[in-house]
Amino acid sequence: MLAEYAVLNGELIAVVVEPRSRLVRLGPAAAALDQVRTLFFALRRMTQPLPESSLVAARLSADLSADLRCPSCARCCSTRCGCATSASW
């Protein structure tokens, strides 16, 4: 099977080639294109080196979690107090 995606009149379509070809309408292209832009942003972000401040914030967050004795698998949400509002977490 071979599939090729395209946008036709604002709609996302796929042409699927198997022993026979067929056209599959996938819906409005805008939603898919938004997801593609988000994906590209995330991929670019992952390839950039982190600034030192991000690493410091990650270490501080890990230290604070350890001080709270949170299990490593626990989901935790932290907020900043007045003296730490300028820190990038």
PDB file of N, CA and C in Angstrom:
ATOM      1  N   MET A   1       0.843  -1.173   0.000  1.00  0.00           N
ATOM      2  CA  MET A   1       0.000   0.000   0.000  1.00  0.00           C
ATOM      3  C   MET A   1       0.888   1.236   0.000  1.00  0.00           C
ATOM      4  N   LEU A   2       0.470   2.235  -0.738  1.00  0.00           N
ATOM      5  CA  LEU A   2       1.140   3.521  -0.804  1.00  0.00           C
ATOM      6  C   LEU A   2       0.075   4.585  -0.584  1.00  0.00           C
ATOM      7  N   ALA A   3       0.351   5.554   0.271  1.00  0.00           N
ATOM      8  CA  ALA A   3      -0.608   6.631   0.525  1.00  0.00           C
ATOM      9  C   ALA A   3       0.085   7.967   0.313  1.00  0.00           C
ATOM     10  N   GLU A   4      -0.574   8.851  -0.381  1.00  0.00           N
ATOM     11  CA  GLU A   4      -0.071  10.212  -0.598  1.00  0.00           C
ATOM     12  C   GLU A   4      -1.151  11.169  -0.107  1.00  0.00           C
ATOM     13  N   TYR A   5      -0.747  12.112   0.741  1.00  0.00           N
ATOM     14  CA  TYR A   5      -1.685  13.081   1.299  1.00  0.00           C
ATOM     15  C   TYR A   5      -1.634  14.376   0.509  1.00  0.00           C
ATOM     16  N   ALA A   6      -2.768  15.050   0.467  1.00  0.00           N
ATOM     17  CA  ALA A   6      -2.848  16.328  -0.236  1.00  0.00           C
ATOM     18  C   ALA A   6      -4.008  17.133   0.343  1.00  0.00           C
ATOM     19  N   VAL A   7      -4.010  18.421   0.019  1.00  0.00           N
ATOM     20  CA  VAL A   7      -5.116  19.297   0.393  1.00  0.00           C
ATOM     21  C   VAL A   7      -5.823  19.697  -0.889  1.00  0.00           C
ATOM     22  N   LEU A   8      -7.134  19.510  -0.901  1.00  0.00           N
ATOM     23  CA  LEU A   8      -7.944  19.836  -2.063  1.00  0.00           C
ATOM     24  C   LEU A   8      -9.154  20.622  -1.590  1.00  0.00           C
ATOM     25  N   ASN A   9      -9.236  21.887  -2.013  1.00  0.00           N
ATOM     26  CA  ASN A   9     -10.359  22.749  -1.619  1.00  0.00           C
ATOM     27  C   ASN A   9     -10.552  22.796  -0.102  1.00  0.00           C
ATOM     28  N   GLY A  10      -9.456  22.895   0.640  1.00  0.00           N
ATOM     29  CA  GLY A  10      -9.527  23.008   2.101  1.00  0.00           C
ATOM     30  C   GLY A  10      -9.775  21.700   2.818  1.00  0.00           C
ATOM     31  N   GLU A  11      -9.792  20.594   2.101  1.00  0.00           N
ATOM     32  CA  GLU A  11     -10.042  19.289   2.712  1.00  0.00           C
ATOM     33  C   GLU A  11      -8.788  18.426   2.578  1.00  0.00           C
ATOM     34  N   LEU A  12      -8.460  17.709   3.658  1.00  0.00           N
ATOM     35  CA  LEU A  12      -7.329  16.795   3.621  1.00  0.00           C
ATOM     36  C   LEU A  12      -7.797  15.490   2.993  1.00  0.00           C
ATOM     37  N   ILE A  13      -7.061  15.048   1.987  1.00  0.00           N
ATOM     38  CA  ILE A  13      -7.401  13.799   1.314  1.00  0.00           C
ATOM     39  C   ILE A  13      -6.171  12.908   1.270  1.00  0.00           C
ATOM     40  N   ALA A  14      -6.403  11.641   1.016  1.00  0.00           N
ATOM     41  CA  ALA A  14      -5.315  10.690   0.804  1.00  0.00           C
ATOM     42  C   ALA A  14      -5.651   9.877  -0.434  1.00  0.00           C
ATOM     43  N   VAL A  15      -4.661   9.697  -1.264  1.00  0.00           N
ATOM     44  CA  VAL A  15      -4.791   8.793  -2.393  1.00  0.00           C
ATOM     45  C   VAL A  15      -4.075   7.515  -1.978  1.00  0.00           C
ATOM     46  N   VAL A  16      -4.831   6.433  -1.896  1.00  0.00           N
ATOM     47  CA  VAL A  16      -4.291   5.160  -1.445  1.00  0.00           C
ATOM     48  C   VAL A  16      -4.156   4.250  -2.659  1.00  0.00           C
ATOM     49  N   VAL A  17      -2.932   3.748  -2.857  1.00  0.00           N
ATOM     50  CA  VAL A  17      -2.673   2.856  -3.987  1.00  0.00           C
ATOM     51  C   VAL A  17      -2.403   1.468  -3.434  1.00  0.00           C
ATOM     52  N   GLU A  18      -3.278   0.568  -3.741  1.00  0.00           N
ATOM     53  CA  GLU A  18      -3.125  -0.846  -3.427  1.00  0.00           C
ATOM     54  C   GLU A  18      -3.170  -1.534  -4.788  1.00  0.00           C
ATOM     55  N   PRO A  19      -3.722  -2.706  -4.894  1.00  0.00           N
ATOM     56  CA  PRO A  19      -3.940  -3.184  -6.257  1.00  0.00           C
ATOM     57  C   PRO A  19      -4.831  -2.218  -7.049  1.00  0.00           C
ATOM     58  N   ARG A  20      -5.717  -1.522  -6.342  1.00  0.00           N
ATOM     59  CA  ARG A  20      -6.538  -0.487  -6.977  1.00  0.00           C
ATOM     60  C   ARG A  20      -6.312   0.825  -6.228  1.00  0.00           C
ATOM     61  N   SER A  21      -6.525   1.930  -6.891  1.00  0.00           N
ATOM     62  CA  SER A  21      -6.376   3.251  -6.252  1.00  0.00           C
ATOM     63  C   SER A  21      -7.718   3.707  -5.710  1.00  0.00           C
ATOM     64  N   ARG A  22      -7.653   4.446  -4.606  1.00  0.00           N
ATOM     65  CA  ARG A  22      -8.885   5.023  -4.057  1.00  0.00           C
ATOM     66  C   ARG A  22      -8.562   6.352  -3.385  1.00  0.00           C
ATOM     67  N   LEU A  23      -9.554   7.199  -3.327  1.00  0.00           N
ATOM     68  CA  LEU A  23      -9.445   8.515  -2.708  1.00  0.00           C
ATOM     69  C   LEU A  23     -10.173   8.465  -1.373  1.00  0.00           C
ATOM     70  N   VAL A  24      -9.495   8.895  -0.310  1.00  0.00           N
ATOM     71  CA  VAL A  24     -10.093   8.890   1.023  1.00  0.00           C
ATOM     72  C   VAL A  24     -10.152  10.332   1.512  1.00  0.00           C
ATOM     73  N   ARG A  25     -11.337  10.799   1.826  1.00  0.00           N
ATOM     74  CA  ARG A  25     -11.517  12.144   2.382  1.00  0.00           C
ATOM     75  C   ARG A  25     -11.341  12.061   3.897  1.00  0.00           C
ATOM     76  N   LEU A  26     -10.409  12.860   4.417  1.00  0.00           N
ATOM     77  CA  LEU A  26     -10.046  12.780   5.831  1.00  0.00           C
ATOM     78  C   LEU A  26     -10.600  13.921   6.676  1.00  0.00           C
ATOM     79  N   GLY A  27     -11.190  14.918   6.049  1.00  0.00           N
ATOM     80  CA  GLY A  27     -11.782  16.016   6.807  1.00  0.00           C
ATOM     81  C   GLY A  27     -11.093  17.335   6.521  1.00  0.00           C
ATOM     82  N   PRO A  28     -11.481  18.365   7.277  1.00  0.00           N
ATOM     83  CA  PRO A  28     -10.905  19.699   7.063  1.00  0.00           C
ATOM     84  C   PRO A  28      -9.386  19.688   7.249  1.00  0.00           C
ATOM     85  N   ALA A  29      -8.706  20.362   6.360  1.00  0.00           N
ATOM     86  CA  ALA A  29      -7.240  20.387   6.403  1.00  0.00           C
ATOM     87  C   ALA A  29      -6.712  21.263   7.532  1.00  0.00           C
ATOM     88  N   ALA A  30      -7.478  22.265   7.947  1.00  0.00           N
ATOM     89  CA  ALA A  30      -6.973  23.227   8.942  1.00  0.00           C
ATOM     90  C   ALA A  30      -6.544  22.547  10.231  1.00  0.00           C
ATOM     91  N   ALA A  31      -7.339  21.614  10.740  1.00  0.00           N
ATOM     92  CA  ALA A  31      -6.998  20.950  12.005  1.00  0.00           C
ATOM     93  C   ALA A  31      -5.718  20.134  11.854  1.00  0.00           C
ATOM     94  N   ALA A  32      -5.587  19.416  10.751  1.00  0.00           N
ATOM     95  CA  ALA A  32      -4.381  18.608  10.523  1.00  0.00           C
ATOM     96  C   ALA A  32      -3.156  19.503  10.359  1.00  0.00           C
ATOM     97  N   LEU A  33      -3.305  20.612   9.649  1.00  0.00           N
ATOM     98  CA  LEU A  33      -2.167  21.522   9.448  1.00  0.00           C
ATOM     99  C   LEU A  33      -1.737  22.158  10.757  1.00  0.00           C
ATOM    100  N   ASP A  34      -2.689  22.459  11.644  1.00  0.00           N
ATOM    101  CA  ASP A  34      -2.333  22.980  12.973  1.00  0.00           C
ATOM    102  C   ASP A  34      -1.508  21.955  13.737  1.00  0.00           C
ATOM    103  N   GLN A  35      -1.888  20.688  13.657  1.00  0.00           N
ATOM    104  CA  GLN A  35      -1.135  19.643  14.343  1.00  0.00           C
ATOM    105  C   GLN A  35       0.257  19.483  13.743  1.00  0.00           C
ATOM    106  N   VAL A  36       0.368  19.614  12.433  1.00  0.00           N
ATOM    107  CA  VAL A  36       1.682  19.521  11.787  1.00  0.00           C
ATOM    108  C   VAL A  36       2.572  20.672  12.242  1.00  0.00           C
ATOM    109  N   ARG A  37       2.020  21.880  12.321  1.00  0.00           N
ATOM    110  CA  ARG A  37       2.816  23.027  12.798  1.00  0.00           C
ATOM    111  C   ARG A  37       3.270  22.804  14.240  1.00  0.00           C
ATOM    112  N   THR A  38       2.379  22.264  15.070  1.00  0.00           N
ATOM    113  CA  THR A  38       2.737  21.976  16.456  1.00  0.00           C
ATOM    114  C   THR A  38       3.838  20.922  16.521  1.00  0.00           C
ATOM    115  N   LEU A  39       3.731  19.905  15.683  1.00  0.00           N
ATOM    116  CA  LEU A  39       4.751  18.861  15.637  1.00  0.00           C
ATOM    117  C   LEU A  39       6.100  19.439  15.217  1.00  0.00           C
ATOM    118  N   PHE A  40       6.130  20.260  14.174  1.00  0.00           N
ATOM    119  CA  PHE A  40       7.389  20.863  13.729  1.00  0.00           C
ATOM    120  C   PHE A  40       7.991  21.737  14.814  1.00  0.00           C
ATOM    121  N   PHE A  41       7.147  22.502  15.533  1.00  0.00           N
ATOM    122  CA  PHE A  41       7.645  23.327  16.629  1.00  0.00           C
ATOM    123  C   PHE A  41       8.305  22.440  17.685  1.00  0.00           C
ATOM    124  N   ALA A  42       7.642  21.335  18.050  1.00  0.00           N
ATOM    125  CA  ALA A  42       8.183  20.439  19.076  1.00  0.00           C
ATOM    126  C   ALA A  42       9.490  19.796  18.612  1.00  0.00           C
ATOM    127  N   LEU A  43       9.543  19.391  17.352  1.00  0.00           N
ATOM    128  CA  LEU A  43      10.766  18.780  16.838  1.00  0.00           C
ATOM    129  C   LEU A  43      11.921  19.768  16.817  1.00  0.00           C
ATOM    130  N   ARG A  44      11.649  21.019  16.396  1.00  0.00           N
ATOM    131  CA  ARG A  44      12.706  22.041  16.419  1.00  0.00           C
ATOM    132  C   ARG A  44      13.164  22.290  17.847  1.00  0.00           C
ATOM    133  N   ARG A  45      12.219  22.360  18.760  1.00  0.00           N
ATOM    134  CA  ARG A  45      12.546  22.630  20.161  1.00  0.00           C
ATOM    135  C   ARG A  45      13.432  21.523  20.742  1.00  0.00           C
ATOM    136  N   MET A  46      13.150  20.284  20.353  1.00  0.00           N
ATOM    137  CA  MET A  46      13.925  19.156  20.875  1.00  0.00           C
ATOM    138  C   MET A  46      15.349  19.145  20.345  1.00  0.00           C
ATOM    139  N   THR A  47      15.597  19.758  19.203  1.00  0.00           N
ATOM    140  CA  THR A  47      16.936  19.738  18.627  1.00  0.00           C
ATOM    141  C   THR A  47      17.807  20.881  19.116  1.00  0.00           C
ATOM    142  N   GLN A  48      17.232  21.832  19.823  1.00  0.00           N
ATOM    143  CA  GLN A  48      17.993  22.978  20.314  1.00  0.00           C
ATOM    144  C   GLN A  48      18.579  22.675  21.685  1.00  0.00           C
ATOM    145  N   PRO A  49      19.797  23.094  21.941  1.00  0.00           N
ATOM    146  CA  PRO A  49      20.362  22.890  23.276  1.00  0.00           C
ATOM    147  C   PRO A  49      19.599  23.728  24.302  1.00  0.00           C
ATOM    148  N   LEU A  50      19.461  23.165  25.479  1.00  0.00           N
ATOM    149  CA  LEU A  50      18.758  23.879  26.544  1.00  0.00           C
ATOM    150  C   LEU A  50      19.660  24.946  27.140  1.00  0.00           C
ATOM    151  N   PRO A  51      19.103  26.110  27.448  1.00  0.00           N
ATOM    152  CA  PRO A  51      19.920  27.123  28.128  1.00  0.00           C
ATOM    153  C   PRO A  51      20.234  26.672  29.555  1.00  0.00           C
ATOM    154  N   GLU A  52      21.301  27.183  30.091  1.00  0.00           N
ATOM    155  CA  GLU A  52      21.728  26.813  31.444  1.00  0.00           C
ATOM    156  C   GLU A  52      20.615  27.058  32.464  1.00  0.00           C
ATOM    157  N   SER A  53      19.821  28.118  32.281  1.00  0.00           N
ATOM    158  CA  SER A  53      18.760  28.417  33.246  1.00  0.00           C
ATOM    159  C   SER A  53      17.725  27.295  33.297  1.00  0.00           C
ATOM    160  N   SER A  54      17.470  26.632  32.155  1.00  0.00           N
ATOM    161  CA  SER A  54      16.525  25.519  32.152  1.00  0.00           C
ATOM    162  C   SER A  54      17.073  24.343  32.948  1.00  0.00           C
ATOM    163  N   LEU A  55      18.368  24.108  32.818  1.00  0.00           N
ATOM    164  CA  LEU A  55      18.974  23.007  33.560  1.00  0.00           C
ATOM    165  C   LEU A  55      18.965  23.284  35.054  1.00  0.00           C
ATOM    166  N   VAL A  56      19.239  24.529  35.419  1.00  0.00           N
ATOM    167  CA  VAL A  56      19.211  24.911  36.835  1.00  0.00           C
ATOM    168  C   VAL A  56      17.802  24.744  37.388  1.00  0.00           C
ATOM    169  N   ALA A  57      16.805  25.158  36.629  1.00  0.00           N
ATOM    170  CA  ALA A  57      15.410  25.033  37.066  1.00  0.00           C
ATOM    171  C   ALA A  57      15.023  23.563  37.215  1.00  0.00           C
ATOM    172  N   ALA A  58      15.486  22.719  36.303  1.00  0.00           N
ATOM    173  CA  ALA A  58      15.172  21.288  36.391  1.00  0.00           C
ATOM    174  C   ALA A  58      15.801  20.677  37.643  1.00  0.00           C
ATOM    175  N   ARG A  59      17.058  21.064  37.929  1.00  0.00           N
ATOM    176  CA  ARG A  59      17.715  20.554  39.138  1.00  0.00           C
ATOM    177  C   ARG A  59      16.998  21.030  40.399  1.00  0.00           C
ATOM    178  N   LEU A  60      16.623  22.300  40.413  1.00  0.00           N
ATOM    179  CA  LEU A  60      15.910  22.853  41.565  1.00  0.00           C
ATOM    180  C   LEU A  60      14.586  22.141  41.756  1.00  0.00           C
ATOM    181  N   SER A  61      13.864  21.920  40.678  1.00  0.00           N
ATOM    182  CA  SER A  61      12.585  21.222  40.760  1.00  0.00           C
ATOM    183  C   SER A  61      12.767  19.809  41.304  1.00  0.00           C
ATOM    184  N   ALA A  62      13.804  19.105  40.827  1.00  0.00           N
ATOM    185  CA  ALA A  62      14.077  17.752  41.324  1.00  0.00           C
ATOM    186  C   ALA A  62      14.431  17.778  42.803  1.00  0.00           C
ATOM    187  N   ASP A  63      15.244  18.757  43.216  1.00  0.00           N
ATOM    188  CA  ASP A  63      15.622  18.870  44.622  1.00  0.00           C
ATOM    189  C   ASP A  63      14.399  19.147  45.492  1.00  0.00           C
ATOM    190  N   LEU A  64      13.542  20.055  45.033  1.00  0.00           N
ATOM    191  CA  LEU A  64      12.346  20.377  45.810  1.00  0.00           C
ATOM    192  C   LEU A  64      11.413  19.176  45.910  1.00  0.00           C
ATOM    193  N   SER A  65      11.274  18.421  44.832  1.00  0.00           N
ATOM    194  CA  SER A  65      10.438  17.217  44.864  1.00  0.00           C
ATOM    195  C   SER A  65      10.995  16.206  45.847  1.00  0.00           C
ATOM    196  N   ALA A  66      12.327  16.078  45.871  1.00  0.00           N
ATOM    197  CA  ALA A  66      12.956  15.156  46.809  1.00  0.00           C
ATOM    198  C   ALA A  66      12.699  15.611  48.242  1.00  0.00           C
ATOM    199  N   ASP A  67      12.779  16.918  48.476  1.00  0.00           N
ATOM    200  CA  ASP A  67      12.513  17.451  49.816  1.00  0.00           C
ATOM    201  C   ASP A  67      11.082  17.167  50.252  1.00  0.00           C
ATOM    202  N   LEU A  68      10.156  17.127  49.308  1.00  0.00           N
ATOM    203  CA  LEU A  68       8.749  16.849  49.627  1.00  0.00           C
ATOM    204  C   LEU A  68       8.476  15.357  49.765  1.00  0.00           C
ATOM    205  N   ARG A  69       9.480  14.552  49.472  1.00  0.00           N
ATOM    206  CA  ARG A  69       9.378  13.095  49.528  1.00  0.00           C
ATOM    207  C   ARG A  69       8.256  12.570  48.626  1.00  0.00           C
ATOM    208  N   CYS A  70       8.164  13.155  47.434  1.00  0.00           N
ATOM    209  CA  CYS A  70       7.195  12.686  46.448  1.00  0.00           C
ATOM    210  C   CYS A  70       7.767  11.453  45.754  1.00  0.00           C
ATOM    211  N   PRO A  71       6.936  10.433  45.532  1.00  0.00           N
ATOM    212  CA  PRO A  71       7.442   9.297  44.762  1.00  0.00           C
ATOM    213  C   PRO A  71       7.814   9.760  43.352  1.00  0.00           C
ATOM    214  N   SER A  72       8.829   9.133  42.765  1.00  0.00           N
ATOM    215  CA  SER A  72       9.296   9.572  41.452  1.00  0.00           C
ATOM    216  C   SER A  72       8.219   9.404  40.382  1.00  0.00           C
ATOM    217  N   CYS A  73       7.264   8.508  40.582  1.00  0.00           N
ATOM    218  CA  CYS A  73       6.227   8.290  39.582  1.00  0.00           C
ATOM    219  C   CYS A  73       5.031   9.218  39.780  1.00  0.00           C
ATOM    220  N   ALA A  74       5.032  10.020  40.839  1.00  0.00           N
ATOM    221  CA  ALA A  74       3.895  10.890  41.118  1.00  0.00           C
ATOM    222  C   ALA A  74       3.885  12.085  40.180  1.00  0.00           C
ATOM    223  N   ARG A  75       2.696  12.480  39.780  1.00  0.00           N
ATOM    224  CA  ARG A  75       2.566  13.712  38.988  1.00  0.00           C
ATOM    225  C   ARG A  75       2.521  14.872  39.962  1.00  0.00           C
ATOM    226  N   CYS A  76       3.283  15.889  39.670  1.00  0.00           N
ATOM    227  CA  CYS A  76       3.402  16.999  40.600  1.00  0.00           C
ATOM    228  C   CYS A  76       3.300  18.311  39.841  1.00  0.00           C
ATOM    229  N   CYS A  77       2.574  19.239  40.387  1.00  0.00           N
ATOM    230  CA  CYS A  77       2.463  20.573  39.804  1.00  0.00           C
ATOM    231  C   CYS A  77       2.982  21.562  40.828  1.00  0.00           C
ATOM    232  N   SER A  78       3.972  22.370  40.472  1.00  0.00           N
ATOM    233  CA  SER A  78       4.528  23.353  41.389  1.00  0.00           C
ATOM    234  C   SER A  78       4.147  24.748  40.943  1.00  0.00           C
ATOM    235  N   THR A  79       3.974  25.613  41.900  1.00  0.00           N
ATOM    236  CA  THR A  79       3.762  27.023  41.597  1.00  0.00           C
ATOM    237  C   THR A  79       4.852  27.815  42.294  1.00  0.00           C
ATOM    238  N   ARG A  80       5.070  29.029  41.822  1.00  0.00           N
ATOM    239  CA  ARG A  80       6.134  29.850  42.394  1.00  0.00           C
ATOM    240  C   ARG A  80       5.570  30.772  43.451  1.00  0.00           C
ATOM    241  N   CYS A  81       6.359  31.005  44.479  1.00  0.00           N
ATOM    242  CA  CYS A  81       5.975  31.987  45.486  1.00  0.00           C
ATOM    243  C   CYS A  81       6.499  33.359  45.064  1.00  0.00           C
ATOM    244  N   GLY A  82       6.157  34.370  45.790  1.00  0.00           N
ATOM    245  CA  GLY A  82       6.520  35.731  45.424  1.00  0.00           C
ATOM    246  C   GLY A  82       7.998  35.940  45.162  1.00  0.00           C
ATOM    247  N   CYS A  83       8.863  35.337  45.966  1.00  0.00           N
ATOM    248  CA  CYS A  83      10.306  35.569  45.802  1.00  0.00           C
ATOM    249  C   CYS A  83      10.884  34.840  44.591  1.00  0.00           C
ATOM    250  N   ALA A  84      10.152  33.905  44.008  1.00  0.00           N
ATOM    251  CA  ALA A  84      10.698  33.103  42.909  1.00  0.00           C
ATOM    252  C   ALA A  84       9.970  33.354  41.584  1.00  0.00           C
ATOM    253  N   THR A  85       9.180  34.422  41.515  1.00  0.00           N
ATOM    254  CA  THR A  85       8.396  34.631  40.288  1.00  0.00           C
ATOM    255  C   THR A  85       9.262  34.950  39.078  1.00  0.00           C
ATOM    256  N   SER A  86      10.484  35.405  39.290  1.00  0.00           N
ATOM    257  CA  SER A  86      11.332  35.717  38.145  1.00  0.00           C
ATOM    258  C   SER A  86      12.057  34.488  37.615  1.00  0.00           C
ATOM    259  N   ALA A  87      11.972  33.373  38.318  1.00  0.00           N
ATOM    260  CA  ALA A  87      12.646  32.152  37.870  1.00  0.00           C
ATOM    261  C   ALA A  87      11.840  31.498  36.741  1.00  0.00           C
ATOM    262  N   SER A  88      12.543  30.968  35.731  1.00  0.00           N
ATOM    263  CA  SER A  88      11.839  30.265  34.659  1.00  0.00           C
ATOM    264  C   SER A  88      11.794  28.783  34.997  1.00  0.00           C
ATOM    265  N   TRP A  89      10.608  28.265  35.261  1.00  0.00           N
ATOM    266  CA  TRP A  89      10.447  26.871  35.635  1.00  0.00           C
ATOM    267  C   TRP A  89       9.933  26.174  34.428  1.00  0.00           C
TER     268      TRP A  89
END
